[in-house]
Amino acid sequence: MNIEQRDQKIAQIFKALAEPNRLKIIRVLYQAQREMTCGEVGKELNISKSTVSYHFKALRLIGLTNTRKIAQEKYLSINVETFQTYLPGFLETL
């Protein structure tokens, strides 16, 4: 990956994190240090499960989170590798 591609990826990450609910979701997942369901995150942030799901899709598409689905339940977690590669030290500031 060249410097221009890296800069583009970082800009996309910042764009995704500019939405306050997405930043809050990352914070909740980081502080929990475990997988959480959309419902658990929504309850923690007092927002609907569908809202969490909407924002989580944007975070997943940019590579900031992982999704694991079992039956109807989706389990969310932080993609630590992406943060370490593009925003080292960021998670610790949350």
N, C-alpha and C. Protein backbone atom coordinates (compact mmCIF):
# COMPACT_ATOMS: atom_id res chain seq x y z
N MET A 1 0.86 -1.18 0.00
CA MET A 1 0.00 0.00 0.00
C MET A 1 0.90 1.24 0.00
N ASN A 2 0.66 2.12 -0.95
CA ASN A 2 1.47 3.34 -1.00
C ASN A 2 0.90 4.41 -0.07
N ILE A 3 1.61 5.51 0.06
CA ILE A 3 1.22 6.57 1.01
C ILE A 3 -0.13 7.18 0.65
N GLU A 4 -0.42 7.30 -0.64
CA GLU A 4 -1.70 7.87 -1.05
C GLU A 4 -2.87 6.96 -0.66
N GLN A 5 -2.70 5.67 -0.88
CA GLN A 5 -3.74 4.71 -0.50
C GLN A 5 -3.93 4.68 1.02
N ARG A 6 -2.83 4.76 1.74
CA ARG A 6 -2.89 4.79 3.21
C ARG A 6 -3.64 6.03 3.69
N ASP A 7 -3.32 7.18 3.08
CA ASP A 7 -4.01 8.42 3.45
C ASP A 7 -5.50 8.34 3.16
N GLN A 8 -5.87 7.72 2.04
CA GLN A 8 -7.28 7.55 1.70
C GLN A 8 -7.99 6.69 2.75
N LYS A 9 -7.33 5.61 3.17
CA LYS A 9 -7.92 4.72 4.17
C LYS A 9 -8.09 5.46 5.50
N ILE A 10 -7.09 6.21 5.91
CA ILE A 10 -7.18 6.97 7.16
C ILE A 10 -8.30 8.01 7.07
N ALA A 11 -8.44 8.67 5.93
CA ALA A 11 -9.51 9.65 5.75
C ALA A 11 -10.88 8.97 5.87
N GLN A 12 -11.03 7.77 5.30
CA GLN A 12 -12.29 7.03 5.40
C GLN A 12 -12.57 6.64 6.85
N ILE A 13 -11.55 6.27 7.57
CA ILE A 13 -11.72 5.92 8.98
C ILE A 13 -12.18 7.13 9.78
N PHE A 14 -11.54 8.27 9.56
CA PHE A 14 -11.95 9.49 10.28
C PHE A 14 -13.37 9.89 9.91
N LYS A 15 -13.74 9.71 8.65
CA LYS A 15 -15.11 10.03 8.23
C LYS A 15 -16.11 9.14 8.97
N ALA A 16 -15.82 7.86 9.09
CA ALA A 16 -16.71 6.94 9.81
C ALA A 16 -16.79 7.31 11.28
N LEU A 17 -15.67 7.69 11.88
CA LEU A 17 -15.65 8.01 13.31
C LEU A 17 -16.16 9.41 13.62
N ALA A 18 -16.40 10.22 12.59
CA ALA A 18 -16.91 11.57 12.81
C ALA A 18 -18.36 11.55 13.29
N GLU A 19 -19.06 10.44 13.09
CA GLU A 19 -20.44 10.29 13.56
C GLU A 19 -20.38 9.93 15.04
N PRO A 20 -20.93 10.77 15.92
CA PRO A 20 -20.80 10.53 17.37
C PRO A 20 -21.26 9.16 17.86
N ASN A 21 -22.34 8.62 17.31
CA ASN A 21 -22.79 7.31 17.75
C ASN A 21 -21.79 6.21 17.41
N ARG A 22 -21.11 6.35 16.30
CA ARG A 22 -20.10 5.35 15.91
C ARG A 22 -18.92 5.40 16.87
N LEU A 23 -18.51 6.58 17.22
CA LEU A 23 -17.41 6.72 18.18
C LEU A 23 -17.82 6.14 19.53
N LYS A 24 -19.05 6.36 19.93
CA LYS A 24 -19.55 5.81 21.19
C LYS A 24 -19.58 4.28 21.14
N ILE A 25 -19.96 3.72 20.01
CA ILE A 25 -19.98 2.27 19.85
C ILE A 25 -18.57 1.70 20.01
N ILE A 26 -17.60 2.33 19.37
CA ILE A 26 -16.21 1.89 19.49
C ILE A 26 -15.76 1.97 20.95
N ARG A 27 -16.13 3.05 21.63
CA ARG A 27 -15.75 3.21 23.04
C ARG A 27 -16.35 2.09 23.91
N VAL A 28 -17.63 1.81 23.71
CA VAL A 28 -18.29 0.75 24.50
C VAL A 28 -17.63 -0.60 24.24
N LEU A 29 -17.36 -0.91 22.99
CA LEU A 29 -16.72 -2.19 22.66
C LEU A 29 -15.31 -2.27 23.26
N TYR A 30 -14.58 -1.17 23.18
CA TYR A 30 -13.21 -1.16 23.71
C TYR A 30 -13.22 -1.33 25.23
N GLN A 31 -14.09 -0.61 25.90
CA GLN A 31 -14.14 -0.68 27.36
C GLN A 31 -14.63 -2.05 27.84
N ALA A 32 -15.51 -2.68 27.06
CA ALA A 32 -16.03 -4.00 27.44
C ALA A 32 -14.97 -5.09 27.27
N GLN A 33 -14.06 -4.89 26.32
CA GLN A 33 -13.01 -5.87 26.04
C GLN A 33 -13.57 -7.27 25.74
N ARG A 34 -14.73 -7.29 25.07
CA ARG A 34 -15.34 -8.56 24.69
C ARG A 34 -16.32 -8.31 23.55
N GLU A 35 -16.79 -9.37 22.94
CA GLU A 35 -17.84 -9.24 21.93
C GLU A 35 -19.13 -8.82 22.62
N MET A 36 -19.91 -8.03 21.91
CA MET A 36 -21.22 -7.62 22.42
C MET A 36 -22.24 -7.73 21.30
N THR A 37 -23.48 -7.95 21.66
CA THR A 37 -24.56 -7.97 20.66
C THR A 37 -25.00 -6.53 20.39
N CYS A 38 -25.71 -6.35 19.27
CA CYS A 38 -26.28 -5.03 18.96
C CYS A 38 -27.19 -4.57 20.10
N GLY A 39 -27.95 -5.50 20.65
CA GLY A 39 -28.86 -5.17 21.75
C GLY A 39 -28.11 -4.69 22.99
N GLU A 40 -27.01 -5.34 23.31
CA GLU A 40 -26.21 -4.94 24.48
C GLU A 40 -25.62 -3.54 24.29
N VAL A 41 -25.09 -3.30 23.10
CA VAL A 41 -24.52 -1.97 22.81
C VAL A 41 -25.62 -0.92 22.86
N GLY A 42 -26.76 -1.22 22.25
CA GLY A 42 -27.88 -0.28 22.26
C GLY A 42 -28.35 0.05 23.67
N LYS A 43 -28.43 -0.97 24.51
CA LYS A 43 -28.85 -0.75 25.90
C LYS A 43 -27.84 0.13 26.64
N GLU A 44 -26.56 -0.14 26.41
CA GLU A 44 -25.49 0.65 27.05
C GLU A 44 -25.56 2.12 26.64
N LEU A 45 -25.89 2.37 25.37
CA LEU A 45 -25.90 3.74 24.83
C LEU A 45 -27.29 4.36 24.79
N ASN A 46 -28.31 3.57 25.17
CA ASN A 46 -29.69 4.04 25.15
C ASN A 46 -30.12 4.45 23.73
N ILE A 47 -29.76 3.61 22.75
CA ILE A 47 -30.20 3.79 21.37
C ILE A 47 -30.75 2.45 20.88
N SER A 48 -31.59 2.50 19.86
CA SER A 48 -32.26 1.29 19.40
C SER A 48 -31.28 0.31 18.75
N LYS A 49 -31.67 -0.94 18.79
CA LYS A 49 -30.86 -1.99 18.19
C LYS A 49 -30.68 -1.74 16.69
N SER A 50 -31.72 -1.24 16.03
CA SER A 50 -31.62 -0.97 14.59
C SER A 50 -30.63 0.17 14.31
N THR A 51 -30.58 1.17 15.18
CA THR A 51 -29.63 2.27 15.02
C THR A 51 -28.21 1.75 15.19
N VAL A 52 -28.00 0.91 16.20
CA VAL A 52 -26.69 0.32 16.42
C VAL A 52 -26.29 -0.49 15.18
N SER A 53 -27.21 -1.29 14.68
CA SER A 53 -26.94 -2.12 13.51
C SER A 53 -26.55 -1.28 12.30
N TYR A 54 -27.26 -0.17 12.10
CA TYR A 54 -26.96 0.74 10.99
C TYR A 54 -25.53 1.29 11.10
N HIS A 55 -25.17 1.78 12.26
CA HIS A 55 -23.84 2.34 12.44
C HIS A 55 -22.77 1.26 12.43
N PHE A 56 -23.11 0.10 12.95
CA PHE A 56 -22.14 -0.98 12.98
C PHE A 56 -21.78 -1.43 11.58
N LYS A 57 -22.75 -1.39 10.67
CA LYS A 57 -22.46 -1.76 9.28
C LYS A 57 -21.41 -0.83 8.69
N ALA A 58 -21.54 0.46 8.94
CA ALA A 58 -20.56 1.42 8.42
C ALA A 58 -19.17 1.16 9.03
N LEU A 59 -19.13 0.84 10.31
CA LEU A 59 -17.85 0.55 10.97
C LEU A 59 -17.23 -0.74 10.42
N ARG A 60 -18.06 -1.73 10.16
CA ARG A 60 -17.58 -3.01 9.63
C ARG A 60 -17.05 -2.84 8.20
N LEU A 61 -17.77 -2.07 7.37
CA LEU A 61 -17.36 -1.89 5.98
C LEU A 61 -16.01 -1.21 5.85
N ILE A 62 -15.67 -0.35 6.77
CA ILE A 62 -14.38 0.32 6.73
C ILE A 62 -13.30 -0.50 7.43
N GLY A 63 -13.72 -1.57 8.11
CA GLY A 63 -12.76 -2.48 8.73
C GLY A 63 -12.45 -2.21 10.18
N LEU A 64 -13.26 -1.37 10.84
CA LEU A 64 -12.99 -1.03 12.23
C LEU A 64 -13.55 -2.05 13.22
N THR A 65 -14.50 -2.86 12.76
CA THR A 65 -15.12 -3.84 13.64
C THR A 65 -15.27 -5.17 12.92
N ASN A 66 -15.51 -6.20 13.70
CA ASN A 66 -15.78 -7.54 13.19
C ASN A 66 -17.19 -7.93 13.60
N THR A 67 -17.81 -8.78 12.79
CA THR A 67 -19.13 -9.30 13.11
C THR A 67 -19.07 -10.82 13.05
N ARG A 68 -19.65 -11.43 14.05
CA ARG A 68 -19.80 -12.89 14.08
C ARG A 68 -21.27 -13.17 14.31
N LYS A 69 -21.87 -13.93 13.42
CA LYS A 69 -23.30 -14.19 13.52
C LYS A 69 -23.55 -15.63 13.95
N ILE A 70 -24.39 -15.78 14.97
CA ILE A 70 -24.84 -17.09 15.41
C ILE A 70 -26.37 -17.02 15.42
N ALA A 71 -26.98 -17.86 14.58
CA ALA A 71 -28.44 -17.84 14.39
C ALA A 71 -28.86 -16.43 14.00
N GLN A 72 -29.71 -15.80 14.80
CA GLN A 72 -30.19 -14.44 14.48
C GLN A 72 -29.37 -13.36 15.18
N GLU A 73 -28.46 -13.76 16.04
CA GLU A 73 -27.72 -12.79 16.86
C GLU A 73 -26.37 -12.44 16.22
N LYS A 74 -26.06 -11.16 16.17
CA LYS A 74 -24.76 -10.69 15.68
C LYS A 74 -23.92 -10.26 16.87
N TYR A 75 -22.69 -10.73 16.89
CA TYR A 75 -21.74 -10.37 17.94
C TYR A 75 -20.70 -9.43 17.35
N LEU A 76 -20.51 -8.30 18.01
CA LEU A 76 -19.65 -7.24 17.52
C LEU A 76 -18.37 -7.17 18.34
N SER A 77 -17.27 -6.87 17.66
CA SER A 77 -16.01 -6.66 18.35
C SER A 77 -15.15 -5.68 17.55
N ILE A 78 -14.18 -5.11 18.20
CA ILE A 78 -13.27 -4.16 17.55
C ILE A 78 -12.24 -4.94 16.74
N ASN A 79 -11.93 -4.44 15.56
CA ASN A 79 -10.85 -4.98 14.75
C ASN A 79 -9.57 -4.24 15.18
N VAL A 80 -8.94 -4.76 16.19
CA VAL A 80 -7.77 -4.10 16.79
C VAL A 80 -6.66 -3.90 15.77
N GLU A 81 -6.49 -4.84 14.87
CA GLU A 81 -5.43 -4.75 13.86
C GLU A 81 -5.56 -3.49 13.01
N THR A 82 -6.78 -3.15 12.60
CA THR A 82 -6.99 -1.93 11.81
C THR A 82 -6.59 -0.70 12.60
N PHE A 83 -7.00 -0.64 13.86
CA PHE A 83 -6.63 0.51 14.68
C PHE A 83 -5.12 0.59 14.88
N GLN A 84 -4.47 -0.55 15.11
CA GLN A 84 -3.02 -0.54 15.31
C GLN A 84 -2.28 -0.12 14.05
N THR A 85 -2.82 -0.51 12.90
CA THR A 85 -2.18 -0.19 11.62
C THR A 85 -2.34 1.28 11.25
N TYR A 86 -3.56 1.80 11.38
CA TYR A 86 -3.86 3.15 10.87
C TYR A 86 -3.94 4.22 11.94
N LEU A 87 -4.31 3.87 13.16
CA LEU A 87 -4.45 4.85 14.24
C LEU A 87 -3.82 4.30 15.53
N PRO A 88 -2.52 4.02 15.51
CA PRO A 88 -1.90 3.45 16.70
C PRO A 88 -2.09 4.36 17.91
N GLY A 89 -2.47 3.76 19.03
CA GLY A 89 -2.66 4.52 20.26
C GLY A 89 -4.05 5.12 20.41
N PHE A 90 -4.86 5.12 19.36
CA PHE A 90 -6.18 5.75 19.41
C PHE A 90 -7.09 5.12 20.45
N LEU A 91 -7.16 3.80 20.45
CA LEU A 91 -8.10 3.13 21.38
C LEU A 91 -7.79 3.46 22.82
N GLU A 92 -6.54 3.62 23.14
CA GLU A 92 -6.16 3.93 24.52
C GLU A 92 -6.63 5.32 24.97
N THR A 93 -6.96 6.17 24.01
CA THR A 93 -7.44 7.52 24.35
C THR A 93 -8.92 7.55 24.70
N LEU A 94 -9.60 6.43 24.46
CA LEU A 94 -11.04 6.37 24.72
C LEU A 94 -11.25 6.20 26.21
